[in-house]
Amino acid sequence: MATNYIQEGKSLNYTPSGSSLVSGGFVVIGIIGAIAKTDIADGKTGAVHVTGVFSVPKATGAVTQGAKLYWDSAASKLTTTATANTLVGIAAAAALSGDANVSILLNVGL
């Protein structure tokens, strides 16, 4: 076994600063999109998913399967607009313009 192995990397520890993060909430850590596994109080450390497929709120507009998805921090939604937003994954499934959420495959395509 490798002596430098730390963990599988499907989740990471995260400490929110400034506000709490609710279970299922989306956060960007540097360039990594993440989903809180449980509620994480402000200043406390908890686990966030960094791989997998999750349903996350999206901006208005249709999304095709495989499209790059970006986090719009001002709107707190996923979008297909790259300008001023952070690439956090790809659409795991298509979504209609009026759909509230889109399925994202986290951190693929970075």
Protein backbone atom coordinates (compact mmCIF):
# COMPACT_ATOMS: atom_id res chain seq x y z
CA MET A 1 0.00 0.00 0.00
CA ALA A 2 1.22 3.48 -0.83
CA THR A 3 2.47 5.32 2.24
CA ASN A 4 1.44 8.69 0.84
CA TYR A 5 -2.26 7.77 0.37
CA ILE A 6 -4.57 10.10 2.32
CA GLN A 7 -8.14 9.43 1.17
CA GLU A 8 -10.30 8.46 -1.80
CA GLY A 9 -11.13 12.08 -2.56
CA LYS A 10 -14.90 11.82 -3.00
CA SER A 11 -15.36 14.30 -0.17
CA LEU A 12 -13.27 16.94 1.53
CA ASN A 13 -13.41 18.81 4.82
CA TYR A 14 -14.67 22.38 4.54
CA THR A 15 -15.03 25.21 7.05
CA PRO A 16 -17.48 27.94 6.01
CA SER A 17 -16.55 31.49 6.93
CA GLY A 18 -19.19 34.19 7.28
CA SER A 19 -22.32 32.02 7.13
CA SER A 20 -23.46 28.47 7.71
CA LEU A 21 -23.90 25.95 4.88
CA VAL A 22 -27.06 23.85 4.83
CA SER A 23 -27.13 20.17 3.91
CA GLY A 24 -27.28 19.94 0.12
CA GLY A 25 -26.04 23.51 -0.24
CA PHE A 26 -23.61 24.35 -3.02
CA VAL A 27 -20.27 26.04 -2.39
CA VAL A 28 -17.23 26.84 -4.51
CA ILE A 29 -13.88 26.13 -2.87
CA GLY A 30 -11.26 27.75 -5.09
CA ILE A 31 -12.21 26.14 -8.43
CA ILE A 32 -13.94 23.09 -6.90
CA GLY A 33 -17.72 22.82 -6.78
CA ALA A 34 -18.97 21.07 -3.64
CA ILE A 35 -22.21 19.97 -1.96
CA ALA A 36 -22.56 19.91 1.83
CA LYS A 37 -23.21 16.40 3.19
CA THR A 38 -24.85 17.82 6.34
CA ASP A 39 -25.46 21.24 7.85
CA ILE A 40 -22.11 22.95 8.58
CA ALA A 41 -22.18 25.81 11.08
CA ASP A 42 -20.20 28.96 10.36
CA GLY A 43 -16.62 28.39 11.52
CA LYS A 44 -17.09 24.64 12.03
CA THR A 45 -15.64 21.91 9.80
CA GLY A 46 -17.82 19.44 7.94
CA ALA A 47 -17.71 17.19 4.89
CA VAL A 48 -18.63 18.23 1.36
CA HIS A 49 -19.07 16.01 -1.72
CA VAL A 50 -16.71 16.87 -4.59
CA THR A 51 -17.73 14.04 -6.93
CA GLY A 52 -21.07 12.64 -7.96
CA VAL A 53 -24.29 13.84 -9.59
CA PHE A 54 -26.52 16.32 -7.75
CA SER A 55 -29.62 18.37 -8.50
CA VAL A 56 -28.76 22.06 -8.15
CA PRO A 57 -30.74 25.25 -8.91
CA LYS A 58 -30.12 26.69 -12.36
CA ALA A 59 -30.67 29.93 -14.21
CA THR A 60 -33.46 30.20 -16.78
CA GLY A 61 -32.61 28.60 -20.10
CA ALA A 62 -32.37 25.12 -21.55
CA VAL A 63 -29.31 23.00 -20.76
CA THR A 64 -28.12 20.17 -22.98
CA GLN A 65 -26.62 17.01 -21.54
CA GLY A 66 -22.84 17.38 -21.40
CA ALA A 67 -22.91 21.19 -21.39
CA LYS A 68 -20.36 22.93 -19.18
CA LEU A 69 -21.94 24.38 -16.05
CA TYR A 70 -20.68 27.44 -14.20
CA TRP A 71 -21.55 28.76 -10.75
CA ASP A 72 -23.01 32.26 -10.79
CA SER A 73 -22.24 33.42 -7.24
CA ALA A 74 -24.35 36.58 -7.59
CA ALA A 75 -27.49 34.56 -8.44
CA SER A 76 -26.51 31.42 -6.46
CA LYS A 77 -27.41 29.26 -9.46
CA LEU A 78 -25.75 27.19 -12.16
CA THR A 79 -25.57 28.67 -15.63
CA THR A 80 -24.06 27.89 -19.02
CA THR A 81 -22.59 31.41 -19.15
CA ALA A 82 -18.83 31.33 -18.65
CA THR A 83 -18.18 35.07 -18.29
CA ALA A 84 -17.47 36.05 -14.65
CA ASN A 85 -18.53 32.60 -13.40
CA THR A 86 -16.65 29.49 -12.15
CA LEU A 87 -16.67 26.22 -14.12
CA VAL A 88 -17.84 23.51 -11.67
CA GLY A 89 -18.89 20.54 -13.84
CA ILE A 90 -21.07 19.33 -16.69
CA ALA A 91 -24.78 18.65 -17.09
CA ALA A 92 -25.44 14.97 -16.37
CA ALA A 93 -28.86 15.29 -18.03
CA ALA A 94 -30.67 17.84 -20.15
CA ALA A 95 -32.92 20.41 -18.46
CA LEU A 96 -35.73 22.49 -19.97
CA SER A 97 -35.70 26.28 -19.80
CA GLY A 98 -38.38 26.37 -17.12
CA ASP A 99 -36.83 23.64 -14.94
CA ALA A 100 -35.73 24.93 -11.54
CA ASN A 101 -32.78 22.51 -11.26
CA VAL A 102 -30.24 20.71 -13.40
CA SER A 103 -28.29 17.54 -12.66
CA ILE A 104 -24.57 18.34 -12.43
CA LEU A 105 -21.67 15.93 -12.54
CA LEU A 106 -19.36 17.78 -10.18
CA ASN A 107 -15.89 18.90 -11.23
CA VAL A 108 -15.82 17.15 -14.61
CA GLY A 109 -14.44 19.21 -17.47
CA LEU A 110 -12.33 21.51 -15.33
